C-alpha atoms as a PDB file:
ATOM      1  CA  MET A   1      23.374-143.490 -42.031  1.00  0.00           C
ATOM      2  CA  TRP A   2      26.101-142.970 -39.452  1.00  0.00           C
ATOM      3  CA  GLN A   3      23.469-142.236 -36.790  1.00  0.00           C
ATOM      4  CA  GLU A   4      22.027-145.733 -37.103  1.00  0.00           C
ATOM      5  CA  GLU A   5      25.488-147.260 -36.889  1.00  0.00           C
ATOM      6  CA  ALA A   6      26.368-145.147 -33.838  1.00  0.00           C
ATOM      7  CA  ARG A   7      23.198-146.236 -32.041  1.00  0.00           C
ATOM      8  CA  ARG A   8      23.906-149.870 -32.910  1.00  0.00           C
ATOM      9  CA  VAL A   9      27.450-149.595 -31.566  1.00  0.00           C
ATOM     10  CA  ALA A  10      26.280-147.883 -28.357  1.00  0.00           C
ATOM     11  CA  LEU A  11      23.730-150.624 -27.710  1.00  0.00           C
ATOM     12  CA  GLY A  12      26.339-153.266 -28.532  1.00  0.00           C
ATOM     13  CA  ILE A  13      28.759-151.757 -26.012  1.00  0.00           C
ATOM     14  CA  ARG A  14      26.164-151.904 -23.242  1.00  0.00           C
ATOM     15  CA  ARG A  15      25.184-155.470 -24.120  1.00  0.00           C
ATOM     16  CA  LYS A  16      28.761-156.737 -24.191  1.00  0.00           C
ATOM     17  CA  VAL A  17      29.680-155.110 -20.893  1.00  0.00           C
ATOM     18  CA  PHE A  18      26.469-156.381 -19.294  1.00  0.00           C
ATOM     19  CA  GLU A  19      26.935-159.955 -20.533  1.00  0.00           C
ATOM     20  CA  HIS A  20      30.595-160.006 -19.492  1.00  0.00           C
ATOM     21  CA  SER A  21      29.758-158.593 -16.046  1.00  0.00           C
ATOM     22  CA  ILE A  22      27.067-161.206 -15.485  1.00  0.00           C
ATOM     23  CA  LYS A  23      29.438-163.982 -16.535  1.00  0.00           C
ATOM     24  CA  ASN A  24      32.180-162.701 -14.219  1.00  0.00           C
ATOM     25  CA  ASN A  25      29.920-161.760 -11.293  1.00  0.00           C
ATOM     26  CA  GLY A  26      30.571-158.033 -11.534  1.00  0.00           C
ATOM     27  CA  GLY A  27      31.921-155.236 -13.664  1.00  0.00           C
ATOM     28  CA  TYR A  28      32.099-151.584 -14.617  1.00  0.00           C
ATOM     29  CA  LEU A  29      28.500-151.347 -15.731  1.00  0.00           C
ATOM     30  CA  SER A  30      27.876-147.674 -14.964  1.00  0.00           C
ATOM     31  CA  GLN A  31      30.786-146.574 -17.151  1.00  0.00           C
ATOM     32  CA  ALA A  32      29.229-148.417 -20.097  1.00  0.00           C
ATOM     33  CA  CYS A  33      25.911-146.753 -19.358  1.00  0.00           C
ATOM     34  CA  SER A  34      27.375-143.262 -19.317  1.00  0.00           C
ATOM     35  CA  SER A  35      29.939-143.439 -22.126  1.00  0.00           C
ATOM     36  CA  ALA A  36      28.429-145.740 -24.781  1.00  0.00           C
ATOM     37  CA  GLU A  37      27.200-142.928 -27.040  1.00  0.00           C
ATOM     38  CA  ILE A  38      30.386-140.902 -26.569  1.00  0.00           C
ATOM     39  CA  LEU A  39      32.650-143.727 -27.714  1.00  0.00           C
ATOM     40  CA  SER A  40      30.305-144.804 -30.486  1.00  0.00           C
ATOM     41  CA  VAL A  41      30.255-141.304 -32.021  1.00  0.00           C
ATOM     42  CA  LEU A  42      34.037-141.016 -31.743  1.00  0.00           C
ATOM     43  CA  TYR A  43      34.752-144.358 -33.411  1.00  0.00           C
ATOM     44  CA  VAL A  44      31.944-144.246 -35.969  1.00  0.00           C
ATOM     45  CA  LYS A  45      32.072-140.600 -37.035  1.00  0.00           C
ATOM     46  CA  ALA A  46      34.360-138.095 -35.329  1.00  0.00           C
ATOM     47  CA  LEU A  47      37.829-139.648 -35.277  1.00  0.00           C
ATOM     48  CA  ASN A  48      39.988-139.518 -38.381  1.00  0.00           C
ATOM     49  CA  ILE A  49      41.905-142.751 -37.841  1.00  0.00           C
ATOM     50  CA  GLY A  50      42.941-145.580 -40.147  1.00  0.00           C
ATOM     51  CA  ASP A  51      41.857-149.189 -40.143  1.00  0.00           C
ATOM     52  CA  SER A  52      43.116-151.285 -37.261  1.00  0.00           C
ATOM     53  CA  ILE A  53      46.553-152.848 -37.742  1.00  0.00           C
ATOM     54  CA  GLY A  54      46.359-154.729 -34.438  1.00  0.00           C
ATOM     55  CA  PRO A  55      45.881-158.508 -34.354  1.00  0.00           C
ATOM     56  CA  PRO A  56      42.171-159.450 -34.064  1.00  0.00           C
ATOM     57  CA  ILE A  57      43.038-161.482 -30.963  1.00  0.00           C
ATOM     58  CA  PRO A  58      45.502-159.367 -28.964  1.00  0.00           C
ATOM     59  CA  LEU A  59      48.998-160.638 -28.277  1.00  0.00           C
ATOM     60  CA  SER A  60      50.218-161.563 -24.814  1.00  0.00           C
ATOM     61  CA  PHE A  61      52.064-158.928 -22.811  1.00  0.00           C
ATOM     62  CA  ALA A  62      55.547-158.592 -24.310  1.00  0.00           C
ATOM     63  CA  GLY A  63      57.200-156.558 -21.568  1.00  0.00           C
ATOM     64  CA  THR A  64      57.670-152.865 -21.005  1.00  0.00           C
ATOM     65  CA  PRO A  65      58.837-150.679 -23.895  1.00  0.00           C
ATOM     66  CA  GLY A  66      62.503-149.838 -24.234  1.00  0.00           C
ATOM     67  CA  LYS A  67      65.459-149.978 -26.588  1.00  0.00           C
ATOM     68  CA  ASP A  68      66.243-153.503 -25.393  1.00  0.00           C
ATOM     69  CA  ASN A  69      62.745-154.846 -26.000  1.00  0.00           C
ATOM     70  CA  PRO A  70      61.860-154.710 -29.707  1.00  0.00           C
ATOM     71  CA  LYS A  71      58.861-156.997 -29.120  1.00  0.00           C
ATOM     72  CA  SER A  72      56.935-154.443 -27.048  1.00  0.00           C
ATOM     73  CA  PHE A  73      53.851-152.802 -28.547  1.00  0.00           C
ATOM     74  CA  THR A  74      51.042-150.404 -27.697  1.00  0.00           C
ATOM     75  CA  GLY A  75      47.294-150.712 -28.070  1.00  0.00           C
ATOM     76  CA  ALA A  76      47.345-147.754 -30.473  1.00  0.00           C
ATOM     77  CA  LEU A  77      47.677-150.369 -33.240  1.00  0.00           C
ATOM     78  CA  TYR A  78      43.890-150.717 -33.047  1.00  0.00           C
ATOM     79  CA  HIS A  79      43.582-147.046 -34.062  1.00  0.00           C
ATOM     80  CA  GLY A  80      45.542-147.610 -37.264  1.00  0.00           C
ATOM     81  CA  GLU A  81      48.937-146.438 -38.413  1.00  0.00           C
ATOM     82  CA  LYS A  82      50.531-143.268 -37.084  1.00  0.00           C
ATOM     83  CA  ASN A  83      51.189-140.509 -39.575  1.00  0.00           C
ATOM     84  CA  SER A  84      51.006-136.723 -39.777  1.00  0.00           C
ATOM     85  CA  TYR A  85      47.391-136.493 -40.945  1.00  0.00           C
ATOM     86  CA  TYR A  86      45.607-139.155 -38.867  1.00  0.00           C
ATOM     87  CA  ASP A  87      44.240-138.267 -35.444  1.00  0.00           C
ATOM     88  CA  ARG A  88      45.597-139.698 -32.194  1.00  0.00           C
ATOM     89  CA  PHE A  89      43.164-140.894 -29.521  1.00  0.00           C
ATOM     90  CA  ILE A  90      44.223-141.027 -25.869  1.00  0.00           C
ATOM     91  CA  ILE A  91      41.989-142.805 -23.338  1.00  0.00           C
ATOM     92  CA  SER A  92      42.687-141.594 -19.831  1.00  0.00           C
ATOM     93  CA  PRO A  93      40.403-143.507 -17.401  1.00  0.00           C
ATOM     94  CA  ALA A  94      41.968-146.978 -17.474  1.00  0.00           C
ATOM     95  CA  GLN A  95      38.995-148.528 -15.654  1.00  0.00           C
ATOM     96  CA  TYR A  96      36.926-147.977 -18.816  1.00  0.00           C
ATOM     97  CA  ALA A  97      38.950-150.769 -20.449  1.00  0.00           C
ATOM     98  CA  LEU A  98      36.087-153.233 -20.971  1.00  0.00           C
ATOM     99  CA  ILE A  99      33.983-150.460 -22.504  1.00  0.00           C
ATOM    100  CA  VAL A 100      36.797-149.555 -24.901  1.00  0.00           C
ATOM    101  CA  TYR A 101      37.349-153.211 -25.845  1.00  0.00           C
ATOM    102  CA  SER A 102      33.629-153.534 -26.552  1.00  0.00           C
ATOM    103  CA  ALA A 103      33.726-150.424 -28.748  1.00  0.00           C
ATOM    104  CA  LEU A 104      36.659-151.870 -30.705  1.00  0.00           C
ATOM    105  CA  ILE A 105      34.777-155.118 -31.219  1.00  0.00           C
ATOM    106  CA  GLU A 106      31.540-153.404 -32.255  1.00  0.00           C
ATOM    107  CA  THR A 107      33.381-151.302 -34.843  1.00  0.00           C
ATOM    108  CA  GLY A 108      35.246-154.298 -36.299  1.00  0.00           C
ATOM    109  CA  ARG A 109      38.663-153.336 -34.957  1.00  0.00           C
ATOM    110  CA  MET A 110      39.084-156.409 -32.765  1.00  0.00           C
ATOM    111  CA  SER A 111      37.674-159.938 -32.568  1.00  0.00           C
ATOM    112  CA  GLU A 112      34.943-160.725 -30.094  1.00  0.00           C
ATOM    113  CA  LYS A 113      37.094-163.665 -28.990  1.00  0.00           C
ATOM    114  CA  ALA A 114      39.514-161.156 -27.467  1.00  0.00           C
ATOM    115  CA  LEU A 115      37.286-160.872 -24.394  1.00  0.00           C
ATOM    116  CA  SER A 116      38.091-164.481 -23.481  1.00  0.00           C
ATOM    117  CA  HIS A 117      41.572-163.153 -22.600  1.00  0.00           C
ATOM    118  CA  TYR A 118      40.202-160.407 -20.353  1.00  0.00           C
ATOM    119  CA  ASN A 119      42.030-160.084 -17.013  1.00  0.00           C
ATOM    120  CA  LYS A 120      43.976-163.327 -17.535  1.00  0.00           C
ATOM    121  CA  ASP A 121      47.589-163.724 -16.420  1.00  0.00           C
ATOM    122  CA  GLY A 122      49.974-162.658 -19.170  1.00  0.00           C
ATOM    123  CA  SER A 123      47.235-161.095 -21.289  1.00  0.00           C
ATOM    124  CA  SER A 124      47.365-157.582 -22.710  1.00  0.00           C
ATOM    125  CA  VAL A 125      43.563-157.390 -22.429  1.00  0.00           C
ATOM    126  CA  GLU A 126      43.789-156.052 -18.912  1.00  0.00           C
ATOM    127  CA  MET A 127      40.995-155.164 -16.513  1.00  0.00           C
ATOM    128  CA  ILE A 128      42.665-151.819 -15.805  1.00  0.00           C
ATOM    129  CA  ALA A 129      44.179-150.951 -19.159  1.00  0.00           C
ATOM    130  CA  ALA A 130      47.840-150.119 -19.725  1.00  0.00           C
ATOM    131  CA  GLU A 131      49.662-148.896 -22.829  1.00  0.00           C
ATOM    132  CA  HIS A 132      49.809-152.396 -24.327  1.00  0.00           C
ATOM    133  CA  SER A 133      46.058-152.942 -23.934  1.00  0.00           C
ATOM    134  CA  PRO A 134      43.867-152.669 -27.053  1.00  0.00           C
ATOM    135  CA  GLY A 135      42.965-149.062 -27.798  1.00  0.00           C
ATOM    136  CA  MET A 136      45.494-147.625 -25.355  1.00  0.00           C
ATOM    137  CA  GLU A 137      48.472-145.601 -26.530  1.00  0.00           C
ATOM    138  CA  VAL A 138      49.865-144.650 -23.120  1.00  0.00           C
ATOM    139  CA  THR A 139      49.637-145.890 -19.555  1.00  0.00           C
ATOM    140  CA  THR A 140      47.728-143.282 -17.611  1.00  0.00           C
ATOM    141  CA  GLY A 141      48.603-144.713 -14.205  1.00  0.00           C
ATOM    142  CA  SER A 142      46.776-142.829 -11.476  1.00  0.00           C
ATOM    143  CA  LEU A 143      43.800-140.840 -12.705  1.00  0.00           C
ATOM    144  CA  GLY A 144      44.664-137.427 -14.075  1.00  0.00           C
ATOM    145  CA  GLN A 145      47.690-138.304 -16.203  1.00  0.00           C
ATOM    146  CA  GLY A 146      45.999-138.834 -19.571  1.00  0.00           C
ATOM    147  CA  LEU A 147      45.275-135.172 -20.271  1.00  0.00           C
ATOM    148  CA  SER A 148      48.874-134.176 -19.561  1.00  0.00           C
ATOM    149  CA  GLN A 149      50.170-136.836 -21.941  1.00  0.00           C
ATOM    150  CA  ALA A 150      47.680-135.839 -24.632  1.00  0.00           C
ATOM    151  CA  ALA A 151      48.733-132.206 -24.246  1.00  0.00           C
ATOM    152  CA  GLY A 152      52.375-133.186 -24.704  1.00  0.00           C
ATOM    153  CA  ILE A 153      51.535-135.137 -27.850  1.00  0.00           C
ATOM    154  CA  ALA A 154      49.474-132.209 -29.159  1.00  0.00           C
ATOM    155  CA  LEU A 155      52.346-129.789 -28.537  1.00  0.00           C
ATOM    156  CA  GLY A 156      54.742-132.094 -30.368  1.00  0.00           C
ATOM    157  CA  ARG A 157      52.374-132.432 -33.310  1.00  0.00           C
ATOM    158  CA  LYS A 158      51.906-128.668 -33.468  1.00  0.00           C
ATOM    159  CA  LEU A 159      55.654-128.088 -33.548  1.00  0.00           C
ATOM    160  CA  LYS A 160      55.973-130.640 -36.349  1.00  0.00           C
ATOM    161  CA  LYS A 161      53.029-129.025 -38.160  1.00  0.00           C
ATOM    162  CA  ASP A 162      51.066-132.286 -38.289  1.00  0.00           C
ATOM    163  CA  THR A 163      47.534-131.796 -39.583  1.00  0.00           C
ATOM    164  CA  GLY A 164      46.077-134.616 -37.478  1.00  0.00           C
ATOM    165  CA  LYS A 165      44.378-133.731 -34.204  1.00  0.00           C
ATOM    166  CA  VAL A 166      44.764-135.215 -30.735  1.00  0.00           C
ATOM    167  CA  TRP A 167      41.672-136.379 -28.877  1.00  0.00           C
ATOM    168  CA  VAL A 168      41.557-137.376 -25.220  1.00  0.00           C
ATOM    169  CA  PHE A 169      38.698-139.006 -23.337  1.00  0.00           C
ATOM    170  CA  ILE A 170      38.632-138.325 -19.588  1.00  0.00           C
ATOM    171  CA  SER A 171      36.251-138.900 -16.695  1.00  0.00           C
ATOM    172  CA  ASP A 172      34.908-136.089 -14.540  1.00  0.00           C
ATOM    173  CA  GLY A 173      36.555-137.677 -11.499  1.00  0.00           C
ATOM    174  CA  GLU A 174      39.893-136.670 -13.012  1.00  0.00           C
ATOM    175  CA  LEU A 175      38.907-133.041 -12.502  1.00  0.00           C
ATOM    176  CA  GLN A 176      39.565-133.629  -8.797  1.00  0.00           C
ATOM    177  CA  GLU A 177      43.241-134.108  -9.646  1.00  0.00           C
ATOM    178  CA  GLY A 178      45.550-131.082  -9.617  1.00  0.00           C
ATOM    179  CA  GLN A 179      47.540-132.390 -12.578  1.00  0.00           C
ATOM    180  CA  THR A 180      44.463-132.032 -14.779  1.00  0.00           C
ATOM    181  CA  TRP A 181      44.236-128.318 -14.060  1.00  0.00           C
ATOM    182  CA  GLU A 182      47.949-127.904 -14.651  1.00  0.00           C
ATOM    183  CA  ALA A 183      47.376-129.493 -18.051  1.00  0.00           C
ATOM    184  CA  PHE A 184      44.573-127.023 -18.824  1.00  0.00           C
ATOM    185  CA  ASN A 185      46.988-124.221 -18.008  1.00  0.00           C
ATOM    186  CA  LEU A 186      49.614-125.651 -20.383  1.00  0.00           C
ATOM    187  CA  ILE A 187      47.049-126.206 -23.151  1.00  0.00           C
ATOM    188  CA  SER A 188      46.025-122.569 -22.924  1.00  0.00           C
ATOM    189  CA  HIS A 189      49.602-121.265 -22.719  1.00  0.00           C
ATOM    190  CA  TYR A 190      50.724-123.110 -25.857  1.00  0.00           C
ATOM    191  CA  LYS A 191      47.405-122.469 -27.658  1.00  0.00           C
ATOM    192  CA  LEU A 192      46.907-126.145 -28.447  1.00  0.00           C
ATOM    193  CA  ASN A 193      43.984-125.757 -30.823  1.00  0.00           C
ATOM    194  CA  ASN A 194      44.742-129.216 -32.225  1.00  0.00           C
ATOM    195  CA  LEU A 195      43.526-130.858 -28.987  1.00  0.00           C
ATOM    196  CA  LYS A 196      39.939-131.933 -28.297  1.00  0.00           C
ATOM    197  CA  ILE A 197      38.978-133.109 -24.814  1.00  0.00           C
ATOM    198  CA  ILE A 198      35.858-135.216 -24.198  1.00  0.00           C
ATOM    199  CA  ILE A 199      34.645-135.470 -20.581  1.00  0.00           C
ATOM    200  CA  ASP A 200      32.221-138.132 -19.355  1.00  0.00           C
ATOM    201  CA  LYS A 201      30.422-136.137 -16.668  1.00  0.00           C
ATOM    202  CA  ASN A 202      28.489-138.922 -14.941  1.00  0.00           C
ATOM    203  CA  ARG A 203      29.001-137.400 -11.467  1.00  0.00           C
ATOM    204  CA  GLN A 204      30.205-140.721 -10.042  1.00  0.00           C
ATOM    205  CA  GLN A 205      33.505-142.027  -8.708  1.00  0.00           C
ATOM    206  CA  CYS A 206      34.747-145.055  -6.786  1.00  0.00           C
ATOM    207  CA  ASP A 207      33.682-143.631  -3.404  1.00  0.00           C
ATOM    208  CA  GLY A 208      30.208-142.567  -4.511  1.00  0.00           C
ATOM    209  CA  GLU A 209      28.816-139.327  -5.878  1.00  0.00           C
ATOM    210  CA  MET A 210      31.389-136.722  -6.881  1.00  0.00           C
ATOM    211  CA  ASP A 211      29.994-133.975  -4.682  1.00  0.00           C
ATOM    212  CA  SER A 212      30.117-136.185  -1.594  1.00  0.00           C
ATOM    213  CA  VAL A 213      33.893-136.576  -2.036  1.00  0.00           C
ATOM    214  CA  LEU A 214      35.005-133.212  -3.405  1.00  0.00           C
ATOM    215  CA  LYS A 215      32.831-130.589  -5.089  1.00  0.00           C
ATOM    216  CA  ILE A 216      34.333-129.239  -8.292  1.00  0.00           C
ATOM    217  CA  GLU A 217      31.446-127.274  -9.776  1.00  0.00           C
ATOM    218  CA  PRO A 218      31.060-125.021 -11.663  1.00  0.00           C
ATOM    219  CA  ILE A 219      33.172-127.079 -14.073  1.00  0.00           C
ATOM    220  CA  THR A 220      32.307-125.195 -17.253  1.00  0.00           C
ATOM    221  CA  GLU A 221      33.084-121.782 -15.821  1.00  0.00           C
ATOM    222  CA  LYS A 222      36.320-122.969 -14.223  1.00  0.00           C
ATOM    223  CA  ILE A 223      37.680-124.461 -17.448  1.00  0.00           C
ATOM    224  CA  LYS A 224      36.718-121.331 -19.393  1.00  0.00           C
ATOM    225  CA  THR A 225      38.862-119.226 -17.067  1.00  0.00           C
ATOM    226  CA  PHE A 226      41.875-121.111 -18.434  1.00  0.00           C
ATOM    227  CA  GLY A 227      41.054-119.836 -21.914  1.00  0.00           C
ATOM    228  CA  LEU A 228      39.705-123.061 -23.404  1.00  0.00           C
ATOM    229  CA  GLN A 229      36.537-123.282 -25.466  1.00  0.00           C
ATOM    230  CA  VAL A 230      33.864-125.316 -23.661  1.00  0.00           C
ATOM    231  CA  ILE A 231      30.684-126.889 -25.045  1.00  0.00           C
ATOM    232  CA  ASP A 232      28.127-128.641 -22.820  1.00  0.00           C
ATOM    233  CA  VAL A 233      26.076-131.412 -24.452  1.00  0.00           C
ATOM    234  CA  ASP A 234      23.698-134.223 -23.610  1.00  0.00           C
ATOM    235  CA  GLY A 235      26.141-137.125 -23.544  1.00  0.00           C
ATOM    236  CA  HIS A 236      23.485-139.539 -24.809  1.00  0.00           C
ATOM    237  CA  ASP A 237      22.442-137.436 -27.819  1.00  0.00           C
ATOM    238  CA  ILE A 238      24.643-138.558 -30.706  1.00  0.00           C
ATOM    239  CA  GLU A 239      23.800-135.503 -32.836  1.00  0.00           C
ATOM    240  CA  GLN A 240      24.820-133.097 -30.067  1.00  0.00           C
ATOM    241  CA  ILE A 241      28.043-135.000 -29.432  1.00  0.00           C
ATOM    242  CA  ASN A 242      28.951-135.082 -33.115  1.00  0.00           C
ATOM    243  CA  ASN A 243      28.132-131.411 -33.687  1.00  0.00           C
ATOM    244  CA  ALA A 244      30.405-130.456 -30.803  1.00  0.00           C
ATOM    245  CA  CYS A 245      33.169-132.684 -32.175  1.00  0.00           C
ATOM    246  CA  THR A 246      33.136-130.796 -35.486  1.00  0.00           C
ATOM    247  CA  VAL A 247      34.009-127.485 -33.791  1.00  0.00           C
ATOM    248  CA  ASN A 248      37.589-126.404 -34.401  1.00  0.00           C
ATOM    249  CA  PRO A 249      38.828-123.974 -31.742  1.00  0.00           C
ATOM    250  CA  ILE A 250      41.030-121.062 -32.774  1.00  0.00           C
ATOM    251  CA  ASN A 251      43.142-120.031 -29.796  1.00  0.00           C
ATOM    252  CA  SER A 252      43.243-123.068 -27.512  1.00  0.00           C
ATOM    253  CA  GLY A 253      41.868-126.544 -26.877  1.00  0.00           C
ATOM    254  CA  LEU A 254      38.235-127.593 -27.128  1.00  0.00           C
ATOM    255  CA  VAL A 255      36.488-129.203 -24.150  1.00  0.00           C
ATOM    256  CA  ILE A 256      33.246-131.107 -24.714  1.00  0.00           C
ATOM    257  CA  ILE A 257      31.456-131.805 -21.447  1.00  0.00           C
ATOM    258  CA  CYS A 258      29.103-134.752 -21.948  1.00  0.00           C
ATOM    259  CA  ASN A 259      26.434-134.766 -19.261  1.00  0.00           C
ATOM    260  CA  THR A 260      25.570-138.423 -18.765  1.00  0.00           C
ATOM    261  CA  ILE A 261      23.543-140.784 -16.589  1.00  0.00           C
ATOM    262  CA  PRO A 262      25.433-143.686 -14.938  1.00  0.00           C
ATOM    263  CA  TYR A 263      22.497-146.065 -15.377  1.00  0.00           C
ATOM    264  CA  ARG A 264      21.340-144.957 -18.846  1.00  0.00           C
ATOM    265  CA  GLY A 265      20.099-148.027 -20.721  1.00  0.00           C
ATOM    266  CA  MET A 266      20.243-150.155 -17.559  1.00  0.00           C
ATOM    267  CA  TYR A 267      17.854-148.220 -15.344  1.00  0.00           C
ATOM    268  CA  TYR A 268      17.579-150.958 -12.744  1.00  0.00           C
ATOM    269  CA  LEU A 269      21.120-150.060 -11.661  1.00  0.00           C
ATOM    270  CA  LYS A 270      19.787-146.891 -10.041  1.00  0.00           C
ATOM    271  CA  LYS A 271      18.997-148.966  -6.956  1.00  0.00           C
ATOM    272  CA  TYR A 272      22.757-149.307  -6.377  1.00  0.00           C
ATOM    273  CA  SER A 273      23.231-145.541  -6.097  1.00  0.00           C
ATOM    274  CA  PRO A 274      25.459-143.947  -4.973  1.00  0.00           C
ATOM    275  CA  LYS A 275      27.839-146.964  -5.158  1.00  0.00           C
ATOM    276  CA  LEU A 276      27.809-147.380  -8.924  1.00  0.00           C
ATOM    277  CA  HIS A 277      31.522-147.459  -9.741  1.00  0.00           C
ATOM    278  CA  TYR A 278      31.813-151.264  -9.770  1.00  0.00           C
ATOM    279  CA  ILE A 279      28.759-153.499  -9.472  1.00  0.00           C
ATOM    280  CA  LYS A 280      29.279-156.829  -7.731  1.00  0.00           C
ATOM    281  CA  PHE A 281      26.464-159.236  -6.927  1.00  0.00           C
ATOM    282  CA  LYS A 282      25.852-160.562  -3.416  1.00  0.00           C
ATOM    283  CA  ASP A 283      24.294-163.849  -4.542  1.00  0.00           C
ATOM    284  CA  ASP A 284      22.570-165.621  -7.428  1.00  0.00           C
ATOM    285  CA  HIS A 285      19.181-164.186  -6.463  1.00  0.00           C
ATOM    286  CA  GLU A 286      20.466-160.623  -6.826  1.00  0.00           C
ATOM    287  CA  LYS A 287      22.169-161.494 -10.107  1.00  0.00           C
ATOM    288  CA  ASN A 288      19.031-163.126 -11.530  1.00  0.00           C
ATOM    289  CA  GLU A 289      16.906-160.132 -10.559  1.00  0.00           C
ATOM    290  CA  LEU A 290      19.343-157.812 -12.314  1.00  0.00           C
ATOM    291  CA  ILE A 291      19.373-160.011 -15.433  1.00  0.00           C
ATOM    292  CA  LYS A 292      15.586-160.044 -15.566  1.00  0.00           C
ATOM    293  CA  GLU A 293      15.198-156.295 -15.166  1.00  0.00           C
ATOM    294  CA  ILE A 294      18.058-155.096 -17.360  1.00  0.00           C
ATOM    295  CA  LYS A 295      17.200-157.449 -20.222  1.00  0.00           C
ATOM    296  CA  LYS A 296      14.002-155.415 -20.586  1.00  0.00           C
ATOM    297  CA  ASP A 297      16.134-152.379 -21.456  1.00  0.00           C
ATOM    298  CA  LEU A 298      18.822-154.015 -23.561  1.00  0.00           C
ATOM    299  CA  TYR A 299      17.020-156.709 -25.514  1.00  0.00           C
ATOM    300  CA  GLU A 300      13.345-155.759 -25.780  1.00  0.00           C
ATOM    301  CA  ASP A 301      12.787-152.991 -28.319  1.00  0.00           C
END
């Protein structure tokens, strides 16, 4: 059953990110906690994409794209070939890179050995993903650009009458960016009903809790005023996520707000609140304590 596979992938994502963070004395653990089920449902069930055509071990960075650089490539290769009927998947928060790489590995789209290239000079397996990084189709740059690019792709596909949809995964921190709201306005204006937007609402950002930096609630009501269809779900309930993903909006884009917990599956991390964006260990004692406590969640059924 797909549910069993999705749960396996979600657990595998958390384990890989945890093990890599321990090995490298820090990492984006909370993002794995909050988004594991979202990405597992997308890759296992919701996305209509082909088999990966990317190399199991990613190539080195080949330079920026352009007419004079035929060797350049994008990470979209790991989402299969592009055609009119397959979906396109845009990942906006580039700091989720390790989580995305783990999802690709767990779903057989990339070799586990790829992580040995993570954040190394000349590697495309970057810590903050760019368009050449596995799973990435565009460089989102500063937060807030991914939705605009996805909207542009969706508009192009609609004009060409492609049957494939465009999906974009964004973080709730991007809702503090004006460009995101401009994109919502464009999506509504052009009635981009071929666009589905998945938001990881974990209420955290690099400076702490969202509300301590800039309050943006009520998110659901605000997005609805732009004319988009909005569904709120438990972002750790794979059935709820999948059911929302099957909805096909009529007049505009679909927004799925996944309410998540930034220490789900690694509950010991709660002690780091509200500084959960990037976990770095002070010393070996702190690291060993974290290993001992989190292993109870991740490895003891």
